[in-house]
């Protein structure tokens, strides 16, 4: 078994979707709390402090997921590792990339719709 810090540990396969699901819960939980405590004026449209905060959080999450995908993809290219270890790294890279793409598509409404409607 690979150590936890190794990019070849199988626990990293689900990491991208776990990070995406945590982001999803925090995004919509934060939206709900923001709308309950200090709702922005609907006349502002989508240019509100709440949307800016959620967009920034989404951007940080996308960058983190893309960084992890790049790290695992780079690890998968190392020829000195076994085929199974490289497969784990390649699969982890793909899952993180899918998490980043899902984050972008779910976050798009925060850039185009006013919150708290």
Protein backbone atom coordinates (compact mmCIF):
# COMPACT_ATOMS: atom_id res chain seq x y z
CA UNK A 1 0.00 0.00 0.00
CA UNK A 2 1.23 3.43 -0.92
CA UNK A 3 1.58 6.11 1.79
CA UNK A 4 -1.24 8.66 1.94
CA UNK A 5 0.97 11.44 0.58
CA UNK A 6 1.80 9.40 -2.51
CA UNK A 7 -0.09 10.29 -5.71
CA UNK A 8 -0.41 6.56 -6.34
CA UNK A 9 -2.56 5.86 -3.28
CA UNK A 10 -6.02 4.65 -4.37
CA UNK A 11 -7.74 6.91 -1.84
CA UNK A 12 -7.00 9.82 -4.19
CA UNK A 13 -9.33 8.43 -6.85
CA UNK A 14 -12.43 9.87 -5.17
CA UNK A 15 -10.76 13.06 -3.99
CA UNK A 16 -12.02 15.25 -6.83
CA UNK A 17 -15.65 14.31 -6.32
CA UNK A 18 -15.36 14.66 -2.54
CA UNK A 19 -13.93 18.17 -2.98
CA UNK A 20 -16.64 19.00 -5.50
CA UNK A 21 -19.40 17.79 -3.18
CA UNK A 22 -17.99 19.80 -0.26
CA UNK A 23 -17.82 22.87 -2.50
CA UNK A 24 -21.41 22.27 -3.60
CA UNK A 25 -22.70 22.07 -0.01
CA UNK A 26 -20.74 25.16 1.06
CA UNK A 27 -21.81 27.10 -2.05
CA UNK A 28 -25.53 26.58 -1.61
CA UNK A 29 -25.34 26.66 2.17
CA UNK A 30 -23.50 29.99 1.96
CA UNK A 31 -26.04 31.28 -0.53
CA UNK A 32 -28.90 30.34 1.80
CA UNK A 33 -27.24 31.86 4.85
CA UNK A 34 -26.32 35.03 2.94
CA UNK A 35 -29.89 35.39 1.68
CA UNK A 36 -31.31 34.83 5.16
CA UNK A 37 -29.00 37.21 7.05
CA UNK A 38 -28.23 40.04 4.62
CA UNK A 39 -30.02 39.68 1.29
CA UNK A 40 -28.69 41.96 -1.43
CA UNK A 41 -31.00 44.31 -3.26
CA UNK A 42 -32.59 42.50 -6.26
CA UNK A 43 -32.24 45.69 -8.32
CA UNK A 44 -28.48 45.15 -8.38
CA UNK A 45 -28.92 42.10 -10.58
CA UNK A 46 -26.11 39.59 -10.47
CA UNK A 47 -23.48 42.15 -9.42
CA UNK A 48 -23.78 41.70 -5.66
CA UNK A 49 -21.35 41.02 -2.85
CA UNK A 50 -22.86 37.58 -2.39
CA UNK A 51 -22.35 36.54 -6.00
CA UNK A 52 -18.81 37.93 -5.95
CA UNK A 53 -17.98 35.90 -2.85
CA UNK A 54 -19.49 32.72 -4.28
CA UNK A 55 -17.70 33.26 -7.61
CA UNK A 56 -14.38 33.76 -5.82
CA UNK A 57 -14.91 30.58 -3.79
CA UNK A 58 -15.77 28.72 -6.99
CA UNK A 59 -12.67 30.03 -8.73
CA UNK A 60 -10.44 28.89 -5.86
CA UNK A 61 -12.07 25.45 -5.99
CA UNK A 62 -11.60 25.14 -9.76
CA UNK A 63 -7.95 26.13 -9.45
CA UNK A 64 -7.41 23.58 -6.67
CA UNK A 65 -9.08 20.79 -8.66
CA UNK A 66 -7.14 21.64 -11.82
CA UNK A 67 -3.92 21.74 -9.79
CA UNK A 68 -4.64 18.29 -8.39
CA UNK A 69 -5.48 16.98 -11.86
CA UNK A 70 -2.18 18.33 -13.17
CA UNK A 71 -0.27 16.81 -10.24
CA UNK A 72 -1.82 13.37 -10.72
CA UNK A 73 -1.40 13.49 -14.51
CA UNK A 74 2.27 14.33 -14.06
CA UNK A 75 2.63 11.43 -11.62
CA UNK A 76 0.97 9.09 -14.12
CA UNK A 77 3.68 9.86 -16.68
CA UNK A 78 6.53 8.60 -14.50
CA UNK A 79 7.83 5.49 -16.21
CA UNK A 80 9.53 4.07 -13.13
CA UNK A 81 6.19 3.33 -11.43
CA UNK A 82 4.17 0.17 -11.97
CA UNK A 83 1.26 0.08 -14.40
CA UNK A 84 -1.28 -0.20 -11.59
CA UNK A 85 0.19 2.81 -9.76
CA UNK A 86 0.15 4.87 -12.96
CA UNK A 87 -3.45 3.80 -13.60
CA UNK A 88 -4.47 5.03 -10.15
CA UNK A 89 -2.79 8.39 -10.78
CA UNK A 90 -4.38 8.69 -14.25
CA UNK A 91 -7.82 7.88 -12.87
CA UNK A 92 -7.37 10.37 -10.02
CA UNK A 93 -6.37 13.03 -12.56
CA UNK A 94 -9.50 12.35 -14.59
CA UNK A 95 -11.79 12.49 -11.57
CA UNK A 96 -10.28 15.81 -10.47
CA UNK A 97 -10.69 17.19 -13.98
CA UNK A 98 -14.34 16.12 -14.01
CA UNK A 99 -14.79 17.81 -10.62
CA UNK A 100 -13.32 21.04 -12.01
CA UNK A 101 -15.60 20.94 -15.05
CA UNK A 102 -18.64 20.25 -12.86
CA UNK A 103 -17.67 23.16 -10.61
CA UNK A 104 -17.55 25.54 -13.57
CA UNK A 105 -20.95 24.47 -14.89
CA UNK A 106 -22.67 24.60 -11.50
CA UNK A 107 -21.07 27.97 -10.69
CA UNK A 108 -22.18 29.63 -13.94
CA UNK A 109 -25.58 30.68 -12.51
CA UNK A 110 -23.78 32.68 -9.79
CA UNK A 111 -22.30 34.80 -12.56
CA UNK A 112 -25.49 35.27 -14.52
CA UNK A 113 -28.42 35.26 -12.07
CA UNK A 114 -29.24 37.54 -9.14
CA UNK A 115 -29.19 35.74 -5.78
CA UNK A 116 -32.08 35.39 -3.35
CA UNK A 117 -34.91 35.38 -5.89
